[in-house]
C-alpha cells in the first residue's frame, strides 16, 4: 500500500471548511491544499501540522518550523466525509501527492484519524 493511499481521507478539520495556516483564507471542498504532516518516532500515526492554500503553499520543508519526528509535505484537495449516525461532517485530504519527506529511511504508512472536539 502506498503512502498516498494511506493519507487519502486524512482528517484536516472538524467542520466542512478549514483555514490556511499562513493567511487565514477559508478553504472549502475541492480547494487545492498543501499539508505538512509529522510522525513521531514512537508513533505510527501521521499528524497534521499545517494546511496551506495554493498561494501560501511551500514547495519544500526547508525553512518551515520544525516538528517532532519525520516531516512530510503533501499536496491534494479538500474533500468532505460524513458519518450519518452521529450526523457529523468533516474535511479530509483527497488525491494526495507526496512532495517531500524529511527522512526517507523510516516511514510508517498509517494515517491518523483523530477525533477533534
PDB file of N, CA and C in Angstrom:
ATOM      1  N   UNK A   1       0.849  -1.172   0.000  1.00  0.00           N
ATOM      2  CA  UNK A   1       0.000   0.000   0.000  1.00  0.00           C
ATOM      3  C   UNK A   1       0.899   1.242   0.000  1.00  0.00           C
ATOM      4  N   UNK A   2       0.620   2.191  -0.859  1.00  0.00           N
ATOM      5  CA  UNK A   2       1.428   3.403  -0.955  1.00  0.00           C
ATOM      6  C   UNK A   2       1.047   4.397   0.132  1.00  0.00           C
ATOM      7  N   UNK A   3       1.978   5.288   0.452  1.00  0.00           N
ATOM      8  CA  UNK A   3       1.714   6.320   1.452  1.00  0.00           C
ATOM      9  C   UNK A   3       0.583   7.235   0.994  1.00  0.00           C
ATOM     10  N   UNK A   4       0.517   7.549  -0.292  1.00  0.00           N
ATOM     11  CA  UNK A   4      -0.574   8.377  -0.810  1.00  0.00           C
ATOM     12  C   UNK A   4      -1.930   7.727  -0.540  1.00  0.00           C
ATOM     13  N   UNK A   5      -1.988   6.415  -0.719  1.00  0.00           N
ATOM     14  CA  UNK A   5      -3.239   5.691  -0.471  1.00  0.00           C
ATOM     15  C   UNK A   5      -3.636   5.785   1.003  1.00  0.00           C
ATOM     16  N   UNK A   6      -2.663   5.657   1.893  1.00  0.00           N
ATOM     17  CA  UNK A   6      -2.925   5.725   3.331  1.00  0.00           C
ATOM     18  C   UNK A   6      -3.373   7.125   3.744  1.00  0.00           C
ATOM     19  N   UNK A   7      -2.787   8.162   3.145  1.00  0.00           N
ATOM     20  CA  UNK A   7      -3.112   9.537   3.519  1.00  0.00           C
ATOM     21  C   UNK A   7      -4.447  10.020   2.959  1.00  0.00           C
ATOM     22  N   UNK A   8      -4.960   9.350   1.937  1.00  0.00           N
ATOM     23  CA  UNK A   8      -6.248   9.733   1.374  1.00  0.00           C
ATOM     24  C   UNK A   8      -7.327   9.533   2.439  1.00  0.00           C
ATOM     25  N   UNK A   9      -8.048  10.582   2.748  1.00  0.00           N
ATOM     26  CA  UNK A   9      -9.079  10.520   3.779  1.00  0.00           C
ATOM     27  C   UNK A   9      -8.603  11.020   5.131  1.00  0.00           C
ATOM     28  N   UNK A  10      -7.344  11.472   5.222  1.00  0.00           N
ATOM     29  CA  UNK A  10      -6.815  12.017   6.467  1.00  0.00           C
ATOM     30  C   UNK A  10      -7.624  13.234   6.888  1.00  0.00           C
ATOM     31  N   UNK A  11      -8.070  13.260   8.133  1.00  0.00           N
ATOM     32  CA  UNK A  11      -8.888  14.369   8.634  1.00  0.00           C
ATOM     33  C   UNK A  11      -8.060  15.648   8.679  1.00  0.00           C
ATOM     34  N   UNK A  12      -8.599  16.715   8.062  1.00  0.00           N
ATOM     35  CA  UNK A  12      -7.943  18.019   8.056  1.00  0.00           C
ATOM     36  C   UNK A  12      -8.528  18.928   9.123  1.00  0.00           C
ATOM     37  N   UNK A  13      -9.837  18.872   9.302  1.00  0.00           N
ATOM     38  CA  UNK A  13     -10.506  19.736  10.274  1.00  0.00           C
ATOM     39  C   UNK A  13     -11.805  19.085  10.707  1.00  0.00           C
ATOM     40  N   UNK A  14     -12.455  19.669  11.724  1.00  0.00           N
ATOM     41  CA  UNK A  14     -13.682  19.078  12.257  1.00  0.00           C
ATOM     42  C   UNK A  14     -14.931  19.524  11.513  1.00  0.00           C
ATOM     43  N   UNK A  15     -14.877  20.625  10.801  1.00  0.00           N
ATOM     44  CA  UNK A  15     -16.038  21.107  10.055  1.00  0.00           C
ATOM     45  C   UNK A  15     -15.867  20.833   8.572  1.00  0.00           C
ATOM     46  N   UNK A  16     -16.701  21.458   7.768  1.00  0.00           N
ATOM     47  CA  UNK A  16     -16.629  21.263   6.319  1.00  0.00           C
ATOM     48  C   UNK A  16     -15.640  22.215   5.662  1.00  0.00           C
ATOM     49  N   UNK A  17     -15.068  23.123   6.441  1.00  0.00           N
ATOM     50  CA  UNK A  17     -14.065  24.051   5.924  1.00  0.00           C
ATOM     51  C   UNK A  17     -12.870  24.065   6.875  1.00  0.00           C
ATOM     52  N   UNK A  18     -11.782  24.623   6.407  1.00  0.00           N
ATOM     53  CA  UNK A  18     -10.601  24.854   7.238  1.00  0.00           C
ATOM     54  C   UNK A  18     -10.003  26.184   6.794  1.00  0.00           C
ATOM     55  N   UNK A  19      -8.950  26.620   7.446  1.00  0.00           N
ATOM     56  CA  UNK A  19      -8.309  27.880   7.063  1.00  0.00           C
ATOM     57  C   UNK A  19      -6.833  27.644   6.808  1.00  0.00           C
ATOM     58  N   UNK A  20      -6.263  28.458   5.940  1.00  0.00           N
ATOM     59  CA  UNK A  20      -4.837  28.403   5.626  1.00  0.00           C
ATOM     60  C   UNK A  20      -4.048  28.824   6.867  1.00  0.00           C
ATOM     61  N   UNK A  21      -3.023  28.089   7.187  1.00  0.00           N
ATOM     62  CA  UNK A  21      -2.169  28.373   8.336  1.00  0.00           C
ATOM     63  C   UNK A  21      -1.495  29.734   8.224  1.00  0.00           C
ATOM     64  N   UNK A  22      -1.158  30.163   7.005  1.00  0.00           N
ATOM     65  CA  UNK A  22      -0.440  31.430   6.819  1.00  0.00           C
ATOM     66  C   UNK A  22      -1.354  32.647   6.688  1.00  0.00           C
ATOM     67  N   UNK A  23      -2.375  32.571   5.820  1.00  0.00           N
ATOM     68  CA  UNK A  23      -3.157  33.773   5.504  1.00  0.00           C
ATOM     69  C   UNK A  23      -4.586  33.754   6.054  1.00  0.00           C
ATOM     70  N   UNK A  24      -4.986  32.676   6.706  1.00  0.00           N
ATOM     71  CA  UNK A  24      -6.331  32.517   7.279  1.00  0.00           C
ATOM     72  C   UNK A  24      -7.452  32.499   6.246  1.00  0.00           C
ATOM     73  N   UNK A  25      -7.132  32.265   4.974  1.00  0.00           N
ATOM     74  CA  UNK A  25      -8.162  32.148   3.935  1.00  0.00           C
ATOM     75  C   UNK A  25      -8.973  30.882   4.189  1.00  0.00           C
ATOM     76  N   UNK A  26     -10.293  30.992   4.075  1.00  0.00           N
ATOM     77  CA  UNK A  26     -11.154  29.831   4.257  1.00  0.00           C
ATOM     78  C   UNK A  26     -11.025  28.899   3.053  1.00  0.00           C
ATOM     79  N   UNK A  27     -10.834  27.627   3.324  1.00  0.00           N
ATOM     80  CA  UNK A  27     -10.687  26.615   2.290  1.00  0.00           C
ATOM     81  C   UNK A  27     -11.862  25.656   2.381  1.00  0.00           C
ATOM     82  N   UNK A  28     -12.469  25.369   1.245  1.00  0.00           N
ATOM     83  CA  UNK A  28     -13.665  24.538   1.211  1.00  0.00           C
ATOM     84  C   UNK A  28     -13.470  23.343   0.279  1.00  0.00           C
ATOM     85  N   UNK A  29     -14.501  22.541   0.164  1.00  0.00           N
ATOM     86  CA  UNK A  29     -14.465  21.340  -0.660  1.00  0.00           C
ATOM     87  C   UNK A  29     -13.931  21.630  -2.058  1.00  0.00           C
ATOM     88  N   UNK A  30     -13.033  20.781  -2.536  1.00  0.00           N
ATOM     89  CA  UNK A  30     -12.390  20.824  -3.860  1.00  0.00           C
ATOM     90  C   UNK A  30     -11.234  21.820  -3.951  1.00  0.00           C
ATOM     91  N   UNK A  31     -11.017  22.652  -2.939  1.00  0.00           N
ATOM     92  CA  UNK A  31      -9.886  23.580  -2.975  1.00  0.00           C
ATOM     93  C   UNK A  31      -8.576  22.798  -2.907  1.00  0.00           C
ATOM     94  N   UNK A  32      -7.575  23.213  -3.722  1.00  0.00           N
ATOM     95  CA  UNK A  32      -6.261  22.578  -3.618  1.00  0.00           C
ATOM     96  C   UNK A  32      -5.573  23.031  -2.332  1.00  0.00           C
ATOM     97  N   UNK A  33      -4.868  22.109  -1.685  1.00  0.00           N
ATOM     98  CA  UNK A  33      -4.155  22.417  -0.448  1.00  0.00           C
ATOM     99  C   UNK A  33      -2.797  21.721  -0.444  1.00  0.00           C
ATOM    100  N   UNK A  34      -1.910  22.254   0.366  1.00  0.00           N
ATOM    101  CA  UNK A  34      -0.667  21.571   0.702  1.00  0.00           C
ATOM    102  C   UNK A  34      -0.684  21.398   2.209  1.00  0.00           C
ATOM    103  N   UNK A  35      -0.415  20.195   2.669  1.00  0.00           N
ATOM    104  CA  UNK A  35      -0.411  19.928   4.104  1.00  0.00           C
ATOM    105  C   UNK A  35       0.982  19.504   4.542  1.00  0.00           C
ATOM    106  N   UNK A  36       1.319  19.908   5.747  1.00  0.00           N
ATOM    107  CA  UNK A  36       2.567  19.473   6.376  1.00  0.00           C
ATOM    108  C   UNK A  36       2.175  18.547   7.512  1.00  0.00           C
ATOM    109  N   UNK A  37       2.704  17.330   7.463  1.00  0.00           N
ATOM    110  CA  UNK A  37       2.385  16.307   8.448  1.00  0.00           C
ATOM    111  C   UNK A  37       3.646  15.925   9.200  1.00  0.00           C
ATOM    112  N   UNK A  38       3.472  15.378  10.389  1.00  0.00           N
ATOM    113  CA  UNK A  38       4.621  14.840  11.102  1.00  0.00           C
ATOM    114  C   UNK A  38       4.242  13.536  11.774  1.00  0.00           C
ATOM    115  N   UNK A  39       5.256  12.721  11.979  1.00  0.00           N
ATOM    116  CA  UNK A  39       5.075  11.423  12.626  1.00  0.00           C
ATOM    117  C   UNK A  39       6.175  11.276  13.665  1.00  0.00           C
ATOM    118  N   UNK A  40       5.796  11.113  14.925  1.00  0.00           N
ATOM    119  CA  UNK A  40       6.765  10.928  15.989  1.00  0.00           C
ATOM    120  C   UNK A  40       7.444   9.579  15.852  1.00  0.00           C
ATOM    121  N   UNK A  41       8.638   9.486  16.363  1.00  0.00           N
ATOM    122  CA  UNK A  41       9.417   8.261  16.223  1.00  0.00           C
ATOM    123  C   UNK A  41       8.699   7.035  16.811  1.00  0.00           C
ATOM    124  N   UNK A  42       8.039   7.180  17.949  1.00  0.00           N
ATOM    125  CA  UNK A  42       7.362   6.052  18.580  1.00  0.00           C
ATOM    126  C   UNK A  42       5.902   5.913  18.149  1.00  0.00           C
ATOM    127  N   UNK A  43       5.428   6.776  17.283  1.00  0.00           N
ATOM    128  CA  UNK A  43       4.025   6.803  16.896  1.00  0.00           C
ATOM    129  C   UNK A  43       3.870   6.296  15.463  1.00  0.00           C
ATOM    130  N   UNK A  44       2.834   5.550  15.209  1.00  0.00           N
ATOM    131  CA  UNK A  44       2.581   5.040  13.862  1.00  0.00           C
ATOM    132  C   UNK A  44       1.633   5.938  13.072  1.00  0.00           C
ATOM    133  N   UNK A  45       1.134   7.008  13.696  1.00  0.00           N
ATOM    134  CA  UNK A  45       0.153   7.859  13.036  1.00  0.00           C
ATOM    135  C   UNK A  45       0.783   9.142  12.507  1.00  0.00           C
ATOM    136  N   UNK A  46       0.207   9.654  11.421  1.00  0.00           N
ATOM    137  CA  UNK A  46       0.595  10.953  10.877  1.00  0.00           C
ATOM    138  C   UNK A  46      -0.317  12.005  11.484  1.00  0.00           C
ATOM    139  N   UNK A  47       0.265  13.147  11.867  1.00  0.00           N
ATOM    140  CA  UNK A  47      -0.478  14.233  12.495  1.00  0.00           C
ATOM    141  C   UNK A  47      -0.355  15.489  11.645  1.00  0.00           C
ATOM    142  N   UNK A  48      -1.449  16.215  11.503  1.00  0.00           N
ATOM    143  CA  UNK A  48      -1.469  17.452  10.723  1.00  0.00           C
ATOM    144  C   UNK A  48      -0.756  18.560  11.483  1.00  0.00           C
ATOM    145  N   UNK A  49       0.264  19.152  10.873  1.00  0.00           N
ATOM    146  CA  UNK A  49       0.992  20.274  11.481  1.00  0.00           C
ATOM    147  C   UNK A  49       0.530  21.601  10.888  1.00  0.00           C
ATOM    148  N   UNK A  50       0.177  21.616   9.594  1.00  0.00           N
ATOM    149  CA  UNK A  50      -0.252  22.850   8.938  1.00  0.00           C
ATOM    150  C   UNK A  50      -0.982  22.517   7.644  1.00  0.00           C
ATOM    151  N   UNK A  51      -1.864  23.445   7.244  1.00  0.00           N
ATOM    152  CA  UNK A  51      -2.599  23.328   5.987  1.00  0.00           C
ATOM    153  C   UNK A  51      -2.494  24.663   5.271  1.00  0.00           C
ATOM    154  N   UNK A  52      -2.095  24.651   4.008  1.00  0.00           N
ATOM    155  CA  UNK A  52      -1.846  25.879   3.254  1.00  0.00           C
ATOM    156  C   UNK A  52      -2.718  25.960   2.004  1.00  0.00           C
ATOM    157  N   UNK A  53      -3.133  27.181   1.660  1.00  0.00           N
ATOM    158  CA  UNK A  53      -3.829  27.415   0.389  1.00  0.00           C
ATOM    159  C   UNK A  53      -2.804  27.383  -0.742  1.00  0.00           C
ATOM    160  N   UNK A  54      -3.279  27.438  -1.964  1.00  0.00           N
ATOM    161  CA  UNK A  54      -2.403  27.379  -3.124  1.00  0.00           C
ATOM    162  C   UNK A  54      -1.412  28.545  -3.152  1.00  0.00           C
ATOM    163  N   UNK A  55      -1.845  29.733  -2.747  1.00  0.00           N
ATOM    164  CA  UNK A  55      -0.970  30.913  -2.764  1.00  0.00           C
ATOM    165  C   UNK A  55       0.141  30.840  -1.730  1.00  0.00           C
ATOM    166  N   UNK A  56      -0.117  30.235  -0.577  1.00  0.00           N
ATOM    167  CA  UNK A  56       0.850  30.190   0.526  1.00  0.00           C
ATOM    168  C   UNK A  56       1.642  28.886   0.574  1.00  0.00           C
ATOM    169  N   UNK A  57       1.320  27.943  -0.288  1.00  0.00           N
ATOM    170  CA  UNK A  57       1.892  26.603  -0.215  1.00  0.00           C
ATOM    171  C   UNK A  57       3.407  26.591  -0.360  1.00  0.00           C
ATOM    172  N   UNK A  58       4.114  26.002   0.594  1.00  0.00           N
ATOM    173  CA  UNK A  58       5.560  25.847   0.461  1.00  0.00           C
ATOM    174  C   UNK A  58       5.865  24.749  -0.558  1.00  0.00           C
ATOM    175  N   UNK A  59       7.010  24.826  -1.189  1.00  0.00           N
ATOM    176  CA  UNK A  59       7.418  23.809  -2.156  1.00  0.00           C
ATOM    177  C   UNK A  59       8.462  22.865  -1.571  1.00  0.00           C
ATOM    178  N   UNK A  60       8.911  23.185  -0.349  1.00  0.00           N
ATOM    179  CA  UNK A  60       9.931  22.386   0.306  1.00  0.00           C
ATOM    180  C   UNK A  60       9.764  22.507   1.819  1.00  0.00           C
ATOM    181  N   UNK A  61      10.293  21.558   2.555  1.00  0.00           N
ATOM    182  CA  UNK A  61      10.276  21.610   4.013  1.00  0.00           C
ATOM    183  C   UNK A  61      11.303  22.596   4.557  1.00  0.00           C
ATOM    184  N   UNK A  62      12.258  22.985   3.719  1.00  0.00           N
ATOM    185  CA  UNK A  62      13.301  23.912   4.139  1.00  0.00           C
ATOM    186  C   UNK A  62      12.692  25.251   4.566  1.00  0.00           C
ATOM    187  N   UNK A  63      13.068  25.706   5.748  1.00  0.00           N
ATOM    188  CA  UNK A  63      12.587  26.983   6.258  1.00  0.00           C
ATOM    189  C   UNK A  63      11.281  26.904   7.031  1.00  0.00           C
ATOM    190  N   UNK A  64      10.633  25.748   7.052  1.00  0.00           N
ATOM    191  CA  UNK A  64       9.384  25.593   7.805  1.00  0.00           C
ATOM    192  C   UNK A  64       9.711  25.285   9.265  1.00  0.00           C
ATOM    193  N   UNK A  65       8.812  25.622  10.183  1.00  0.00           N
ATOM    194  CA  UNK A  65       9.069  25.321  11.599  1.00  0.00           C
ATOM    195  C   UNK A  65       9.282  23.827  11.804  1.00  0.00           C
ATOM    196  N   UNK A  66      10.215  23.468  12.675  1.00  0.00           N
ATOM    197  CA  UNK A  66      10.472  22.045  12.906  1.00  0.00           C
ATOM    198  C   UNK A  66       9.332  21.384  13.674  1.00  0.00           C
ATOM    199  N   UNK A  67       9.169  20.100  13.460  1.00  0.00           N
ATOM    200  CA  UNK A  67       8.219  19.291  14.214  1.00  0.00           C
ATOM    201  C   UNK A  67       8.967  18.071  14.718  1.00  0.00           C
ATOM    202  N   UNK A  68       8.365  17.340  15.605  1.00  0.00           N
ATOM    203  CA  UNK A  68       8.982  16.128  16.126  1.00  0.00           C
ATOM    204  C   UNK A  68       8.946  15.031  15.073  1.00  0.00           C
ATOM    205  N   UNK A  69       9.976  14.229  15.005  1.00  0.00           N
ATOM    206  CA  UNK A  69       9.989  13.066  14.126  1.00  0.00           C
ATOM    207  C   UNK A  69      10.099  13.401  12.653  1.00  0.00           C
ATOM    208  N   UNK A  70       9.519  12.560  11.843  1.00  0.00           N
ATOM    209  CA  UNK A  70       9.556  12.692  10.390  1.00  0.00           C
ATOM    210  C   UNK A  70       8.523  13.705   9.920  1.00  0.00           C
ATOM    211  N   UNK A  71       8.935  14.588   9.007  1.00  0.00           N
ATOM    212  CA  UNK A  71       8.010  15.548   8.405  1.00  0.00           C
ATOM    213  C   UNK A  71       7.676  15.111   6.983  1.00  0.00           C
ATOM    214  N   UNK A  72       6.498  15.515   6.528  1.00  0.00           N
ATOM    215  CA  UNK A  72       6.039  15.165   5.193  1.00  0.00           C
ATOM    216  C   UNK A  72       5.286  16.351   4.620  1.00  0.00           C
ATOM    217  N   UNK A  73       5.595  16.711   3.389  1.00  0.00           N
ATOM    218  CA  UNK A  73       4.876  17.762   2.683  1.00  0.00           C
ATOM    219  C   UNK A  73       4.098  17.096   1.558  1.00  0.00           C
ATOM    220  N   UNK A  74       2.801  17.368   1.494  1.00  0.00           N
ATOM    221  CA  UNK A  74       1.908  16.660   0.578  1.00  0.00           C
ATOM    222  C   UNK A  74       0.886  17.637   0.003  1.00  0.00           C
ATOM    223  N   UNK A  75       0.606  17.520  -1.291  1.00  0.00           N
ATOM    224  CA  UNK A  75      -0.440  18.351  -1.871  1.00  0.00           C
ATOM    225  C   UNK A  75      -1.625  17.477  -2.251  1.00  0.00           C
ATOM    226  N   UNK A  76      -2.800  18.109  -2.279  1.00  0.00           N
ATOM    227  CA  UNK A  76      -4.019  17.385  -2.624  1.00  0.00           C
ATOM    228  C   UNK A  76      -5.190  18.354  -2.686  1.00  0.00           C
ATOM    229  N   UNK A  77      -6.377  17.848  -2.433  1.00  0.00           N
ATOM    230  CA  UNK A  77      -7.579  18.674  -2.420  1.00  0.00           C
ATOM    231  C   UNK A  77      -8.365  18.383  -1.150  1.00  0.00           C
ATOM    232  N   UNK A  78      -9.268  19.286  -0.819  1.00  0.00           N
ATOM    233  CA  UNK A  78     -10.148  19.074   0.323  1.00  0.00           C
ATOM    234  C   UNK A  78     -11.388  18.318  -0.135  1.00  0.00           C
ATOM    235  N   UNK A  79     -11.702  17.275   0.584  1.00  0.00           N
ATOM    236  CA  UNK A  79     -12.928  16.528   0.366  1.00  0.00           C
ATOM    237  C   UNK A  79     -13.754  16.590   1.641  1.00  0.00           C
ATOM    238  N   UNK A  80     -14.975  16.124   1.571  1.00  0.00           N
ATOM    239  CA  UNK A  80     -15.868  16.132   2.726  1.00  0.00           C
ATOM    240  C   UNK A  80     -16.312  14.699   3.002  1.00  0.00           C
ATOM    241  N   UNK A  81     -16.252  14.310   4.264  1.00  0.00           N
ATOM    242  CA  UNK A  81     -16.723  12.996   4.700  1.00  0.00           C
ATOM    243  C   UNK A  81     -17.825  13.210   5.720  1.00  0.00           C
ATOM    244  N   UNK A  82     -18.807  12.315   5.709  1.00  0.00           N
ATOM    245  CA  UNK A  82     -19.920  12.443   6.640  1.00  0.00           C
ATOM    246  C   UNK A  82     -20.197  11.094   7.282  1.00  0.00           C
ATOM    247  N   UNK A  83     -20.451  11.127   8.584  1.00  0.00           N
ATOM    248  CA  UNK A  83     -20.909   9.960   9.320  1.00  0.00           C
ATOM    249  C   UNK A  83     -22.367  10.233   9.671  1.00  0.00           C
ATOM    250  N   UNK A  84     -23.267   9.521   9.032  1.00  0.00           N
ATOM    251  CA  UNK A  84     -24.701   9.810   9.161  1.00  0.00           C
ATOM    252  C   UNK A  84     -25.265   9.535  10.547  1.00  0.00           C
ATOM    253  N   UNK A  85     -24.776   8.514  11.201  1.00  0.00           N
ATOM    254  CA  UNK A  85     -25.357   8.163  12.504  1.00  0.00           C
ATOM    255  C   UNK A  85     -25.223   9.308  13.514  1.00  0.00           C
ATOM    256  N   UNK A  86     -24.004   9.837  13.775  1.00  0.00           N
ATOM    257  CA  UNK A  86     -23.915  10.976  14.700  1.00  0.00           C
ATOM    258  C   UNK A  86     -24.138  12.317  13.997  1.00  0.00           C
ATOM    259  N   UNK A  87     -24.393  12.279  12.696  1.00  0.00           N
ATOM    260  CA  UNK A  87     -24.610  13.475  11.887  1.00  0.00           C
ATOM    261  C   UNK A  87     -23.434  14.455  11.995  1.00  0.00           C
ATOM    262  N   UNK A  88     -22.229  13.927  11.743  1.00  0.00           N
ATOM    263  CA  UNK A  88     -21.022  14.738  11.756  1.00  0.00           C
ATOM    264  C   UNK A  88     -20.415  14.769  10.362  1.00  0.00           C
ATOM    265  N   UNK A  89     -19.845  15.914  10.006  1.00  0.00           N
ATOM    266  CA  UNK A  89     -19.195  16.104   8.723  1.00  0.00           C
ATOM    267  C   UNK A  89     -17.837  16.756   8.969  1.00  0.00           C
ATOM    268  N   UNK A  90     -16.837  16.335   8.212  1.00  0.00           N
ATOM    269  CA  UNK A  90     -15.509  16.934   8.395  1.00  0.00           C
ATOM    270  C   UNK A  90     -14.726  16.940   7.085  1.00  0.00           C
ATOM    271  N   UNK A  91     -13.723  17.823   7.036  1.00  0.00           N
ATOM    272  CA  UNK A  91     -12.855  17.966   5.863  1.00  0.00           C
ATOM    273  C   UNK A  91     -11.741  16.926   5.910  1.00  0.00           C
ATOM    274  N   UNK A  92     -11.457  16.333   4.738  1.00  0.00           N
ATOM    275  CA  UNK A  92     -10.403  15.322   4.624  1.00  0.00           C
ATOM    276  C   UNK A  92      -9.513  15.636   3.418  1.00  0.00           C
ATOM    277  N   UNK A  93      -8.356  15.010   3.388  1.00  0.00           N
ATOM    278  CA  UNK A  93      -7.431  15.137   2.269  1.00  0.00           C
ATOM    279  C   UNK A  93      -7.783  14.109   1.204  1.00  0.00           C
ATOM    280  N   UNK A  94      -7.919  14.541  -0.048  1.00  0.00           N
ATOM    281  CA  UNK A  94      -8.150  13.617  -1.160  1.00  0.00           C
ATOM    282  C   UNK A  94      -7.105  13.861  -2.243  1.00  0.00           C
ATOM    283  N   UNK A  95      -6.840  12.849  -3.033  1.00  0.00           N
ATOM    284  CA  UNK A  95      -5.858  12.885  -4.123  1.00  0.00           C
ATOM    285  C   UNK A  95      -4.484  13.385  -3.659  1.00  0.00           C
ATOM    286  N   UNK A  96      -3.953  12.818  -2.563  1.00  0.00           N
ATOM    287  CA  UNK A  96      -2.659  13.296  -2.069  1.00  0.00           C
ATOM    288  C   UNK A  96      -1.490  12.894  -2.968  1.00  0.00           C
ATOM    289  N   UNK A  97      -0.522  13.792  -3.079  1.00  0.00           N
ATOM    290  CA  UNK A  97       0.729  13.545  -3.780  1.00  0.00           C
ATOM    291  C   UNK A  97       1.856  14.024  -2.883  1.00  0.00           C
ATOM    292  N   UNK A  98       2.814  13.151  -2.594  1.00  0.00           N
ATOM    293  CA  UNK A  98       3.933  13.493  -1.722  1.00  0.00           C
ATOM    294  C   UNK A  98       4.885  14.433  -2.470  1.00  0.00           C
ATOM    295  N   UNK A  99       5.235  15.547  -1.831  1.00  0.00           N
ATOM    296  CA  UNK A  99       6.205  16.493  -2.383  1.00  0.00           C
ATOM    297  C   UNK A  99       7.593  16.210  -1.827  1.00  0.00           C
ATOM    298  N   UNK A 100       7.666  16.055  -0.484  1.00  0.00           N
ATOM    299  CA  UNK A 100       8.961  15.859   0.161  1.00  0.00           C
ATOM    300  C   UNK A 100       8.764  15.240   1.540  1.00  0.00           C
ATOM    301  N   UNK A 101       9.729  14.466   1.975  1.00  0.00           N
ATOM    302  CA  UNK A 101       9.747  13.927   3.333  1.00  0.00           C
ATOM    303  C   UNK A 101      11.115  14.200   3.938  1.00  0.00           C
ATOM    304  N   UNK A 102      11.155  14.433   5.249  1.00  0.00           N
ATOM    305  CA  UNK A 102      12.406  14.798   5.900  1.00  0.00           C
ATOM    306  C   UNK A 102      13.319  13.608   6.139  1.00  0.00           C
ATOM    307  N   UNK A 103      12.767  12.427   6.196  1.00  0.00           N
ATOM    308  CA  UNK A 103      13.580  11.240   6.419  1.00  0.00           C
ATOM    309  C   UNK A 103      12.993  10.099   5.612  1.00  0.00           C
ATOM    310  N   UNK A 104      13.675   9.671   4.592  1.00  0.00           N
ATOM    311  CA  UNK A 104      13.145   8.674   3.666  1.00  0.00           C
ATOM    312  C   UNK A 104      13.385   7.231   4.119  1.00  0.00           C
ATOM    313  N   UNK A 105      14.181   7.031   5.142  1.00  0.00           N
ATOM    314  CA  UNK A 105      14.532   5.662   5.516  1.00  0.00           C
ATOM    315  C   UNK A 105      13.565   5.025   6.501  1.00  0.00           C
ATOM    316  N   UNK A 106      12.786   5.816   7.219  1.00  0.00           N
ATOM    317  CA  UNK A 106      11.878   5.240   8.220  1.00  0.00           C
ATOM    318  C   UNK A 106      10.518   5.927   8.132  1.00  0.00           C
ATOM    319  N   UNK A 107       9.658   5.419   7.296  1.00  0.00           N
ATOM    320  CA  UNK A 107       8.323   5.982   7.136  1.00  0.00           C
ATOM    321  C   UNK A 107       7.309   4.865   7.362  1.00  0.00           C
ATOM    322  N   UNK A 108       6.412   5.072   8.300  1.00  0.00           N
ATOM    323  CA  UNK A 108       5.356   4.106   8.582  1.00  0.00           C
ATOM    324  C   UNK A 108       4.086   4.571   7.894  1.00  0.00           C
ATOM    325  N   UNK A 109       3.433   3.681   7.177  1.00  0.00           N
ATOM    326  CA  UNK A 109       2.255   4.051   6.409  1.00  0.00           C
ATOM    327  C   UNK A 109       0.983   3.835   7.205  1.00  0.00           C
ATOM    328  N   UNK A 110       0.625   4.803   8.042  1.00  0.00           N
ATOM    329  CA  UNK A 110      -0.591   4.714   8.849  1.00  0.00           C
ATOM    330  C   UNK A 110      -1.098   6.133   9.068  1.00  0.00           C
ATOM    331  N   UNK A 111      -2.248   6.446   8.554  1.00  0.00           N
ATOM    332  CA  UNK A 111      -2.793   7.800   8.692  1.00  0.00           C
ATOM    333  C   UNK A 111      -3.485   7.955  10.031  1.00  0.00           C
ATOM    334  N   UNK A 112      -3.471   9.169  10.562  1.00  0.00           N
ATOM    335  CA  UNK A 112      -4.139   9.433  11.819  1.00  0.00           C
ATOM    336  C   UNK A 112      -5.621   9.690  11.566  1.00  0.00           C
ATOM    337  N   UNK A 113      -6.433   9.266  12.465  1.00  0.00           N
ATOM    338  CA  UNK A 113      -7.866   9.509  12.385  1.00  0.00           C
ATOM    339  C   UNK A 113      -8.335  10.012  13.736  1.00  0.00           C
ATOM    340  N   UNK A 114      -7.729  11.084  14.211  1.00  0.00           N
ATOM    341  CA  UNK A 114      -8.087  11.664  15.496  1.00  0.00           C
ATOM    342  C   UNK A 114      -9.441  12.352  15.404  1.00  0.00           C
ATOM    343  N   UNK A 115     -10.206  12.274  16.456  1.00  0.00           N
ATOM    344  CA  UNK A 115     -11.481  12.972  16.513  1.00  0.00           C
ATOM    345  C   UNK A 115     -11.253  14.255  17.299  1.00  0.00           C
ATOM    346  N   UNK A 116     -11.331  15.377  16.620  1.00  0.00           N
ATOM    347  CA  UNK A 116     -11.118  16.657  17.253  1.00  0.00           C
ATOM    348  C   UNK A 116     -12.441  17.211  17.727  1.00  0.00           C
ATOM    349  N   UNK A 117     -12.543  17.511  18.987  1.00  0.00           N
ATOM    350  CA  UNK A 117     -13.799  18.025  19.552  1.00  0.00           C
ATOM    351  C   UNK A 117     -13.765  19.526  19.614  1.00  0.00           C
TER     352      UNK A 117
END
